[in-house]
All heavy atoms as atom14 arrays in JSON, in Angstrom:
{
  "sequence": "TGLDAGTIQQLLPLIVPVVLNFLQSGANAQSGSNSVLNTFLDADR",
  "atom14_mask": [
    [1, 1, 1, 1, 1, 1, 1, 0, 0, 0, 0, 0, 0, 0],
    [1, 1, 1, 1, 0, 0, 0, 0, 0, 0, 0, 0, 0, 0],
    [1, 1, 1, 1, 1, 1, 1, 1, 0, 0, 0, 0, 0, 0],
    [1, 1, 1, 1, 1, 1, 1, 1, 0, 0, 0, 0, 0, 0],
    [1, 1, 1, 1, 1, 0, 0, 0, 0, 0, 0, 0, 0, 0],
    [1, 1, 1, 1, 0, 0, 0, 0, 0, 0, 0, 0, 0, 0],
    [1, 1, 1, 1, 1, 1, 1, 0, 0, 0, 0, 0, 0, 0],
    [1, 1, 1, 1, 1, 1, 1, 1, 0, 0, 0, 0, 0, 0],
    [1, 1, 1, 1, 1, 1, 1, 1, 1, 0, 0, 0, 0, 0],
    [1, 1, 1, 1, 1, 1, 1, 1, 1, 0, 0, 0, 0, 0],
    [1, 1, 1, 1, 1, 1, 1, 1, 0, 0, 0, 0, 0, 0],
    [1, 1, 1, 1, 1, 1, 1, 1, 0, 0, 0, 0, 0, 0],
    [1, 1, 1, 1, 1, 1, 1, 0, 0, 0, 0, 0, 0, 0],
    [1, 1, 1, 1, 1, 1, 1, 1, 0, 0, 0, 0, 0, 0],
    [1, 1, 1, 1, 1, 1, 1, 1, 0, 0, 0, 0, 0, 0],
    [1, 1, 1, 1, 1, 1, 1, 0, 0, 0, 0, 0, 0, 0],
    [1, 1, 1, 1, 1, 1, 1, 0, 0, 0, 0, 0, 0, 0],
    [1, 1, 1, 1, 1, 1, 1, 0, 0, 0, 0, 0, 0, 0],
    [1, 1, 1, 1, 1, 1, 1, 0, 0, 0, 0, 0, 0, 0],
    [1, 1, 1, 1, 1, 1, 1, 1, 0, 0, 0, 0, 0, 0],
    [1, 1, 1, 1, 1, 1, 1, 1, 0, 0, 0, 0, 0, 0],
    [1, 1, 1, 1, 1, 1, 1, 1, 1, 1, 1, 0, 0, 0],
    [1, 1, 1, 1, 1, 1, 1, 1, 0, 0, 0, 0, 0, 0],
    [1, 1, 1, 1, 1, 1, 1, 1, 1, 0, 0, 0, 0, 0],
    [1, 1, 1, 1, 1, 1, 0, 0, 0, 0, 0, 0, 0, 0],
    [1, 1, 1, 1, 0, 0, 0, 0, 0, 0, 0, 0, 0, 0],
    [1, 1, 1, 1, 1, 0, 0, 0, 0, 0, 0, 0, 0, 0],
    [1, 1, 1, 1, 1, 1, 1, 1, 0, 0, 0, 0, 0, 0],
    [1, 1, 1, 1, 1, 0, 0, 0, 0, 0, 0, 0, 0, 0],
    [1, 1, 1, 1, 1, 1, 1, 1, 1, 0, 0, 0, 0, 0],
    [1, 1, 1, 1, 1, 1, 0, 0, 0, 0, 0, 0, 0, 0],
    [1, 1, 1, 1, 0, 0, 0, 0, 0, 0, 0, 0, 0, 0],
    [1, 1, 1, 1, 1, 1, 0, 0, 0, 0, 0, 0, 0, 0],
    [1, 1, 1, 1, 1, 1, 1, 1, 0, 0, 0, 0, 0, 0],
    [1, 1, 1, 1, 1, 1, 0, 0, 0, 0, 0, 0, 0, 0],
    [1, 1, 1, 1, 1, 1, 1, 0, 0, 0, 0, 0, 0, 0],
    [1, 1, 1, 1, 1, 1, 1, 1, 0, 0, 0, 0, 0, 0],
    [1, 1, 1, 1, 1, 1, 1, 1, 0, 0, 0, 0, 0, 0],
    [1, 1, 1, 1, 1, 1, 1, 0, 0, 0, 0, 0, 0, 0],
    [1, 1, 1, 1, 1, 1, 1, 1, 1, 1, 1, 0, 0, 0],
    [1, 1, 1, 1, 1, 1, 1, 1, 0, 0, 0, 0, 0, 0],
    [1, 1, 1, 1, 1, 1, 1, 1, 0, 0, 0, 0, 0, 0],
    [1, 1, 1, 1, 1, 0, 0, 0, 0, 0, 0, 0, 0, 0],
    [1, 1, 1, 1, 1, 1, 1, 1, 0, 0, 0, 0, 0, 0],
    [1, 1, 1, 1, 1, 1, 1, 1, 1, 1, 1, 0, 0, 0]
  ],
  "atom14_positions": [
    [[136.32, 56.19, 85.79], [134.93, 56.66, 85.85], [133.96, 55.82, 85.04], [132.76, 55.94, 85.22], [134.82, 58.11, 85.33], [135.17, 58.14, 83.95], [135.68, 59.07, 86.14], [0.0, 0.0, 0.0], [0.0, 0.0, 0.0], [0.0, 0.0, 0.0], [0.0, 0.0, 0.0], [0.0, 0.0, 0.0], [0.0, 0.0, 0.0], [0.0, 0.0, 0.0]],
    [[134.46, 55.03, 84.11], [133.59, 54.25, 83.24], [133.09, 55.01, 82.03], [132.38, 54.45, 81.2], [0.0, 0.0, 0.0], [0.0, 0.0, 0.0], [0.0, 0.0, 0.0], [0.0, 0.0, 0.0], [0.0, 0.0, 0.0], [0.0, 0.0, 0.0], [0.0, 0.0, 0.0], [0.0, 0.0, 0.0], [0.0, 0.0, 0.0], [0.0, 0.0, 0.0]],
    [[133.45, 56.29, 81.91], [133.07, 57.06, 80.74], [133.98, 56.68, 79.57], [135.09, 56.19, 79.77], [133.18, 58.56, 81.02], [132.23, 59.12, 82.08], [132.55, 60.57, 82.37], [130.79, 58.97, 81.63], [0.0, 0.0, 0.0], [0.0, 0.0, 0.0], [0.0, 0.0, 0.0], [0.0, 0.0, 0.0], [0.0, 0.0, 0.0], [0.0, 0.0, 0.0]],
    [[133.53, 56.9, 78.36], [134.28, 56.56, 77.17], [135.5, 57.48, 77.02], [135.38, 58.7, 77.13], [133.35, 56.7, 75.96], [134.05, 56.41, 74.66], [134.43, 55.24, 74.44], [134.25, 57.37, 73.88], [0.0, 0.0, 0.0], [0.0, 0.0, 0.0], [0.0, 0.0, 0.0], [0.0, 0.0, 0.0], [0.0, 0.0, 0.0], [0.0, 0.0, 0.0]],
    [[136.67, 56.88, 76.74], [137.91, 57.65, 76.59], [137.81, 58.65, 75.45], [138.32, 59.78, 75.55], [139.09, 56.72, 76.38], [0.0, 0.0, 0.0], [0.0, 0.0, 0.0], [0.0, 0.0, 0.0], [0.0, 0.0, 0.0], [0.0, 0.0, 0.0], [0.0, 0.0, 0.0], [0.0, 0.0, 0.0], [0.0, 0.0, 0.0], [0.0, 0.0, 0.0]],
    [[137.15, 58.27, 74.35], [136.98, 59.2, 73.23], [136.16, 60.42, 73.62], [136.47, 61.54, 73.24], [0.0, 0.0, 0.0], [0.0, 0.0, 0.0], [0.0, 0.0, 0.0], [0.0, 0.0, 0.0], [0.0, 0.0, 0.0], [0.0, 0.0, 0.0], [0.0, 0.0, 0.0], [0.0, 0.0, 0.0], [0.0, 0.0, 0.0], [0.0, 0.0, 0.0]],
    [[135.12, 60.19, 74.4], [134.29, 61.3, 74.89], [135.11, 62.21, 75.79], [135.04, 63.44, 75.67], [133.06, 60.76, 75.66], [132.3, 59.94, 74.78], [132.2, 61.89, 76.21], [0.0, 0.0, 0.0], [0.0, 0.0, 0.0], [0.0, 0.0, 0.0], [0.0, 0.0, 0.0], [0.0, 0.0, 0.0], [0.0, 0.0, 0.0], [0.0, 0.0, 0.0]],
    [[135.89, 61.62, 76.68], [136.73, 62.42, 77.59], [137.71, 63.26, 76.78], [137.88, 64.45, 77.06], [137.49, 61.51, 78.58], [136.52, 60.73, 79.48], [138.48, 62.32, 79.41], [135.59, 61.58, 80.29], [0.0, 0.0, 0.0], [0.0, 0.0, 0.0], [0.0, 0.0, 0.0], [0.0, 0.0, 0.0], [0.0, 0.0, 0.0], [0.0, 0.0, 0.0]],
    [[138.33, 62.66, 75.78], [139.29, 63.41, 74.97], [138.61, 64.59, 74.27], [139.19, 65.66, 74.17], [139.98, 62.49, 73.96], [141.25, 63.1, 73.43], [142.21, 62.07, 72.9], [141.95, 60.88, 72.9], [143.34, 62.55, 72.41], [0.0, 0.0, 0.0], [0.0, 0.0, 0.0], [0.0, 0.0, 0.0], [0.0, 0.0, 0.0], [0.0, 0.0, 0.0]],
    [[137.37, 64.39, 73.83], [136.63, 65.49, 73.2], [136.26, 66.57, 74.22], [136.12, 67.74, 73.86], [135.36, 64.96, 72.55], [135.62, 64.13, 71.32], [134.34, 63.5, 70.76], [133.26, 63.61, 71.34], [134.46, 62.85, 69.62], [0.0, 0.0, 0.0], [0.0, 0.0, 0.0], [0.0, 0.0, 0.0], [0.0, 0.0, 0.0], [0.0, 0.0, 0.0]],
    [[136.1, 66.18, 75.49], [135.71, 67.14, 76.53], [136.89, 67.88, 77.16], [136.7, 68.89, 77.82], [134.91, 66.44, 77.63], [133.54, 65.9, 77.23], [132.91, 65.15, 78.4], [132.63, 67.01, 76.76], [0.0, 0.0, 0.0], [0.0, 0.0, 0.0], [0.0, 0.0, 0.0], [0.0, 0.0, 0.0], [0.0, 0.0, 0.0], [0.0, 0.0, 0.0]],
    [[138.11, 67.38, 76.95], [139.28, 68.03, 77.55], [139.37, 69.53, 77.25], [139.72, 70.3, 78.14], [140.57, 67.32, 77.15], [140.86, 66.0, 77.84], [142.13, 65.36, 77.27], [140.97, 66.15, 79.34], [0.0, 0.0, 0.0], [0.0, 0.0, 0.0], [0.0, 0.0, 0.0], [0.0, 0.0, 0.0], [0.0, 0.0, 0.0], [0.0, 0.0, 0.0]],
    [[139.03, 69.99, 76.02], [139.09, 71.44, 75.78], [138.11, 72.25, 76.63], [138.25, 73.47, 76.73], [138.74, 71.56, 74.29], [139.14, 70.25, 73.71], [138.81, 69.24, 74.78], [0.0, 0.0, 0.0], [0.0, 0.0, 0.0], [0.0, 0.0, 0.0], [0.0, 0.0, 0.0], [0.0, 0.0, 0.0], [0.0, 0.0, 0.0], [0.0, 0.0, 0.0]],
    [[137.16, 71.62, 77.26], [136.27, 72.32, 78.2], [136.72, 72.09, 79.64], [136.67, 73.0, 80.47], [134.82, 71.86, 78.01], [133.77, 72.57, 78.84], [133.83, 74.09, 78.67], [132.38, 72.08, 78.46], [0.0, 0.0, 0.0], [0.0, 0.0, 0.0], [0.0, 0.0, 0.0], [0.0, 0.0, 0.0], [0.0, 0.0, 0.0], [0.0, 0.0, 0.0]],
    [[137.17, 70.88, 79.93], [137.54, 70.53, 81.3], [138.79, 71.29, 81.76], [138.81, 71.85, 82.86], [137.77, 69.0, 81.42], [136.45, 68.26, 81.18], [138.35, 68.64, 82.77], [136.59, 66.76, 81.0], [0.0, 0.0, 0.0], [0.0, 0.0, 0.0], [0.0, 0.0, 0.0], [0.0, 0.0, 0.0], [0.0, 0.0, 0.0], [0.0, 0.0, 0.0]],
    [[139.82, 71.35, 80.92], [141.07, 72.0, 81.32], [140.86, 73.49, 81.63], [141.31, 73.97, 82.67], [142.18, 71.76, 80.27], [143.4, 72.64, 80.53], [142.58, 70.28, 80.25], [0.0, 0.0, 0.0], [0.0, 0.0, 0.0], [0.0, 0.0, 0.0], [0.0, 0.0, 0.0], [0.0, 0.0, 0.0], [0.0, 0.0, 0.0], [0.0, 0.0, 0.0]],
    [[140.16, 74.27, 80.78], [139.93, 75.67, 81.15], [139.15, 75.85, 82.46], [139.38, 76.81, 83.2], [139.13, 76.23, 79.96], [139.53, 75.37, 78.81], [139.7, 74.0, 79.41], [0.0, 0.0, 0.0], [0.0, 0.0, 0.0], [0.0, 0.0, 0.0], [0.0, 0.0, 0.0], [0.0, 0.0, 0.0], [0.0, 0.0, 0.0], [0.0, 0.0, 0.0]],
    [[138.24, 74.92, 82.77], [137.49, 75.0, 84.03], [138.43, 74.81, 85.21], [138.36, 75.54, 86.2], [136.33, 73.98, 84.06], [135.75, 73.84, 85.45], [135.24, 74.39, 83.07], [0.0, 0.0, 0.0], [0.0, 0.0, 0.0], [0.0, 0.0, 0.0], [0.0, 0.0, 0.0], [0.0, 0.0, 0.0], [0.0, 0.0, 0.0], [0.0, 0.0, 0.0]],
    [[139.33, 73.84, 85.11], [140.32, 73.63, 86.18], [141.18, 74.88, 86.34], [141.4, 75.37, 87.45], [141.19, 72.38, 85.89], [142.36, 72.29, 86.86], [140.35, 71.11, 85.94], [0.0, 0.0, 0.0], [0.0, 0.0, 0.0], [0.0, 0.0, 0.0], [0.0, 0.0, 0.0], [0.0, 0.0, 0.0], [0.0, 0.0, 0.0], [0.0, 0.0, 0.0]],
    [[141.64, 75.43, 85.22], [142.46, 76.64, 85.27], [141.67, 77.83, 85.81], [142.23, 78.7, 86.49], [143.04, 76.95, 83.89], [144.0, 75.9, 83.32], [144.43, 76.29, 81.9], [145.19, 75.69, 84.22], [0.0, 0.0, 0.0], [0.0, 0.0, 0.0], [0.0, 0.0, 0.0], [0.0, 0.0, 0.0], [0.0, 0.0, 0.0], [0.0, 0.0, 0.0]],
    [[140.37, 77.87, 85.54], [139.52, 78.95, 86.05], [139.49, 78.92, 87.58], [139.55, 79.97, 88.23], [138.11, 78.8, 85.47], [137.29, 80.07, 85.58], [137.72, 81.08, 86.1], [136.08, 79.99, 85.07], [0.0, 0.0, 0.0], [0.0, 0.0, 0.0], [0.0, 0.0, 0.0], [0.0, 0.0, 0.0], [0.0, 0.0, 0.0], [0.0, 0.0, 0.0]],
    [[139.38, 77.73, 88.14], [139.45, 77.6, 89.59], [140.77, 78.17, 90.11], [140.8, 78.9, 91.1], [139.38, 76.11, 90.0], [138.13, 75.76, 90.74], [137.22, 74.88, 90.19], [137.87, 76.27, 92.0], [136.08, 74.53, 90.86], [136.73, 75.93, 92.68], [135.83, 75.06, 92.12], [0.0, 0.0, 0.0], [0.0, 0.0, 0.0], [0.0, 0.0, 0.0]],
    [[141.86, 77.83, 89.43], [143.18, 78.27, 89.89], [143.38, 79.76, 89.74], [144.1, 80.38, 90.52], [144.26, 77.51, 89.1], [144.22, 76.0, 89.24], [145.31, 75.36, 88.39], [144.31, 75.56, 90.69], [0.0, 0.0, 0.0], [0.0, 0.0, 0.0], [0.0, 0.0, 0.0], [0.0, 0.0, 0.0], [0.0, 0.0, 0.0], [0.0, 0.0, 0.0]],
    [[142.73, 80.35, 88.76], [142.86, 81.79, 88.53], [142.22, 82.61, 89.65], [142.59, 83.75, 89.87], [142.25, 82.17, 87.18], [142.5, 83.61, 86.79], [141.79, 83.97, 85.5], [140.68, 83.53, 85.25], [142.43, 84.77, 84.68], [0.0, 0.0, 0.0], [0.0, 0.0, 0.0], [0.0, 0.0, 0.0], [0.0, 0.0, 0.0], [0.0, 0.0, 0.0]],
    [[141.29, 82.04, 90.37], [140.53, 82.8, 91.37], [141.41, 83.45, 92.43], [141.04, 84.45, 93.02], [139.47, 81.91, 92.03], [140.08, 80.9, 92.8], [0.0, 0.0, 0.0], [0.0, 0.0, 0.0], [0.0, 0.0, 0.0], [0.0, 0.0, 0.0], [0.0, 0.0, 0.0], [0.0, 0.0, 0.0], [0.0, 0.0, 0.0], [0.0, 0.0, 0.0]],
    [[142.6, 82.9, 92.68], [143.46, 83.46, 93.71], [144.41, 84.53, 93.24], [145.2, 85.05, 94.04], [0.0, 0.0, 0.0], [0.0, 0.0, 0.0], [0.0, 0.0, 0.0], [0.0, 0.0, 0.0], [0.0, 0.0, 0.0], [0.0, 0.0, 0.0], [0.0, 0.0, 0.0], [0.0, 0.0, 0.0], [0.0, 0.0, 0.0], [0.0, 0.0, 0.0]],
    [[144.36, 84.9, 91.97], [145.27, 85.91, 91.44], [145.02, 87.26, 92.11], [143.89, 87.7, 92.25], [145.12, 86.04, 89.93], [0.0, 0.0, 0.0], [0.0, 0.0, 0.0], [0.0, 0.0, 0.0], [0.0, 0.0, 0.0], [0.0, 0.0, 0.0], [0.0, 0.0, 0.0], [0.0, 0.0, 0.0], [0.0, 0.0, 0.0], [0.0, 0.0, 0.0]],
    [[146.1, 87.88, 92.54], [146.04, 89.18, 93.21], [146.68, 90.21, 92.29], [147.89, 90.15, 92.04], [146.77, 89.11, 94.56], [146.6, 90.37, 95.37], [146.67, 91.47, 94.84], [146.4, 90.21, 96.66], [0.0, 0.0, 0.0], [0.0, 0.0, 0.0], [0.0, 0.0, 0.0], [0.0, 0.0, 0.0], [0.0, 0.0, 0.0], [0.0, 0.0, 0.0]],
    [[145.87, 91.14, 91.8], [146.36, 92.13, 90.83], [147.44, 93.03, 91.45], [148.35, 93.46, 90.75], [145.19, 92.98, 90.33], [0.0, 0.0, 0.0], [0.0, 0.0, 0.0], [0.0, 0.0, 0.0], [0.0, 0.0, 0.0], [0.0, 0.0, 0.0], [0.0, 0.0, 0.0], [0.0, 0.0, 0.0], [0.0, 0.0, 0.0], [0.0, 0.0, 0.0]],
    [[147.34, 93.31, 92.76], [148.3, 94.21, 93.39], [149.66, 93.56, 93.6], [150.69, 94.15, 93.31], [147.76, 94.72, 94.72], [146.55, 95.6, 94.56], [145.97, 96.03, 95.9], [146.22, 95.42, 96.92], [145.19, 97.11, 95.87], [0.0, 0.0, 0.0], [0.0, 0.0, 0.0], [0.0, 0.0, 0.0], [0.0, 0.0, 0.0], [0.0, 0.0, 0.0]],
    [[149.67, 92.33, 94.1], [150.95, 91.7, 94.44], [151.48, 90.78, 93.34], [152.65, 90.4, 93.35], [150.81, 90.89, 95.73], [149.99, 89.74, 95.5], [0.0, 0.0, 0.0], [0.0, 0.0, 0.0], [0.0, 0.0, 0.0], [0.0, 0.0, 0.0], [0.0, 0.0, 0.0], [0.0, 0.0, 0.0], [0.0, 0.0, 0.0], [0.0, 0.0, 0.0]],
    [[150.6, 90.4, 92.41], [151.01, 89.48, 91.36], [151.06, 88.03, 91.82], [151.38, 87.14, 91.04], [0.0, 0.0, 0.0], [0.0, 0.0, 0.0], [0.0, 0.0, 0.0], [0.0, 0.0, 0.0], [0.0, 0.0, 0.0], [0.0, 0.0, 0.0], [0.0, 0.0, 0.0], [0.0, 0.0, 0.0], [0.0, 0.0, 0.0], [0.0, 0.0, 0.0]],
    [[150.75, 87.78, 93.08], [150.78, 86.41, 93.6], [149.42, 85.74, 93.38], [148.44, 86.39, 93.02], [151.12, 86.41, 95.09], [150.1, 87.04, 95.82], [0.0, 0.0, 0.0], [0.0, 0.0, 0.0], [0.0, 0.0, 0.0], [0.0, 0.0, 0.0], [0.0, 0.0, 0.0], [0.0, 0.0, 0.0], [0.0, 0.0, 0.0], [0.0, 0.0, 0.0]],
    [[149.36, 84.43, 93.62], [148.12, 83.68, 93.45], [148.09, 82.59, 94.52], [148.71, 81.53, 94.35], [148.02, 83.1, 92.05], [146.71, 82.38, 91.8], [146.12, 81.8, 92.7], [146.26, 82.4, 90.57], [0.0, 0.0, 0.0], [0.0, 0.0, 0.0], [0.0, 0.0, 0.0], [0.0, 0.0, 0.0], [0.0, 0.0, 0.0], [0.0, 0.0, 0.0]],
    [[147.35, 82.84, 95.6], [147.32, 81.9, 96.72], [146.7, 80.56, 96.34], [147.14, 79.51, 96.82], [146.56, 82.52, 97.9], [145.22, 82.84, 97.52], [0.0, 0.0, 0.0], [0.0, 0.0, 0.0], [0.0, 0.0, 0.0], [0.0, 0.0, 0.0], [0.0, 0.0, 0.0], [0.0, 0.0, 0.0], [0.0, 0.0, 0.0], [0.0, 0.0, 0.0]],
    [[145.69, 80.56, 95.49], [145.03, 79.31, 95.08], [145.99, 78.48, 94.24], [146.16, 77.28, 94.48], [143.71, 79.59, 94.34], [143.1, 78.31, 93.8], [142.71, 80.3, 95.26], [0.0, 0.0, 0.0], [0.0, 0.0, 0.0], [0.0, 0.0, 0.0], [0.0, 0.0, 0.0], [0.0, 0.0, 0.0], [0.0, 0.0, 0.0], [0.0, 0.0, 0.0]],
    [[146.63, 79.1, 93.27], [147.58, 78.39, 92.42], [148.75, 77.86, 93.26], [149.16, 76.71, 93.09], [148.1, 79.3, 91.31], [149.11, 78.7, 90.34], [148.51, 77.51, 89.61], [149.58, 79.76, 89.35], [0.0, 0.0, 0.0], [0.0, 0.0, 0.0], [0.0, 0.0, 0.0], [0.0, 0.0, 0.0], [0.0, 0.0, 0.0], [0.0, 0.0, 0.0]],
    [[149.26, 78.68, 94.17], [150.38, 78.24, 95.02], [149.99, 77.05, 95.88], [150.78, 76.12, 96.03], [150.88, 79.4, 95.89], [151.55, 80.48, 95.06], [151.97, 80.25, 93.94], [151.62, 81.67, 95.61], [0.0, 0.0, 0.0], [0.0, 0.0, 0.0], [0.0, 0.0, 0.0], [0.0, 0.0, 0.0], [0.0, 0.0, 0.0], [0.0, 0.0, 0.0]],
    [[148.79, 77.05, 96.43], [148.33, 75.92, 97.24], [148.2, 74.68, 96.36], [148.61, 73.59, 96.75], [146.96, 76.24, 97.9], [147.15, 77.34, 98.8], [146.42, 75.05, 98.68], [0.0, 0.0, 0.0], [0.0, 0.0, 0.0], [0.0, 0.0, 0.0], [0.0, 0.0, 0.0], [0.0, 0.0, 0.0], [0.0, 0.0, 0.0], [0.0, 0.0, 0.0]],
    [[147.66, 74.85, 95.18], [147.46, 73.74, 94.24], [148.8, 73.11, 93.84], [148.9, 71.89, 93.73], [146.72, 74.26, 93.01], [146.36, 73.2, 92.0], [145.37, 72.27, 92.28], [146.98, 73.15, 90.76], [145.01, 71.3, 91.35], [146.62, 72.2, 89.82], [145.65, 71.26, 90.12], [0.0, 0.0, 0.0], [0.0, 0.0, 0.0], [0.0, 0.0, 0.0]],
    [[149.81, 73.93, 93.63], [151.09, 73.44, 93.16], [152.04, 73.02, 94.27], [153.08, 72.43, 93.98], [151.78, 74.51, 92.29], [151.08, 74.86, 91.0], [151.86, 75.95, 90.27], [150.93, 73.64, 90.11], [0.0, 0.0, 0.0], [0.0, 0.0, 0.0], [0.0, 0.0, 0.0], [0.0, 0.0, 0.0], [0.0, 0.0, 0.0], [0.0, 0.0, 0.0]],
    [[151.72, 73.32, 95.51], [152.63, 73.03, 96.61], [152.77, 71.54, 96.84], [151.97, 70.91, 97.54], [152.14, 73.72, 97.88], [153.14, 73.62, 99.02], [154.21, 73.01, 98.82], [152.86, 74.14, 100.09], [0.0, 0.0, 0.0], [0.0, 0.0, 0.0], [0.0, 0.0, 0.0], [0.0, 0.0, 0.0], [0.0, 0.0, 0.0], [0.0, 0.0, 0.0]],
    [[153.81, 70.97, 96.28], [154.04, 69.53, 96.39], [154.54, 69.13, 97.77], [154.57, 67.96, 98.11], [155.04, 69.08, 95.32], [0.0, 0.0, 0.0], [0.0, 0.0, 0.0], [0.0, 0.0, 0.0], [0.0, 0.0, 0.0], [0.0, 0.0, 0.0], [0.0, 0.0, 0.0], [0.0, 0.0, 0.0], [0.0, 0.0, 0.0], [0.0, 0.0, 0.0]],
    [[154.93, 70.09, 98.59], [155.47, 69.77, 99.91], [154.39, 69.53, 100.95], [154.67, 69.11, 102.07], [156.38, 70.9, 100.4], [157.59, 71.07, 99.5], [158.03, 70.07, 98.9], [158.08, 72.2, 99.41], [0.0, 0.0, 0.0], [0.0, 0.0, 0.0], [0.0, 0.0, 0.0], [0.0, 0.0, 0.0], [0.0, 0.0, 0.0], [0.0, 0.0, 0.0]],
    [[153.17, 69.81, 100.61], [152.07, 69.59, 101.56], [151.66, 68.14, 101.55], [152.3, 67.3, 100.93], [150.9, 70.5, 101.19], [151.3, 71.95, 101.32], [150.18, 72.76, 101.82], [150.68, 74.13, 101.98], [149.91, 75.15, 102.17], [148.62, 75.01, 102.21], [150.41, 76.34, 102.32], [0.0, 0.0, 0.0], [0.0, 0.0, 0.0], [0.0, 0.0, 0.0]]
  ]
}
């Protein structure tokens, strides 16, 4: 990206929770499954 590596390292504590927030959106309280997380992790696709 051309951004400074030190800046990126300082931003990781904000970036990682945002990525995980996207993945959390598919959590289903009733079934315990998570369609978004499963799609994200599906290495066979």
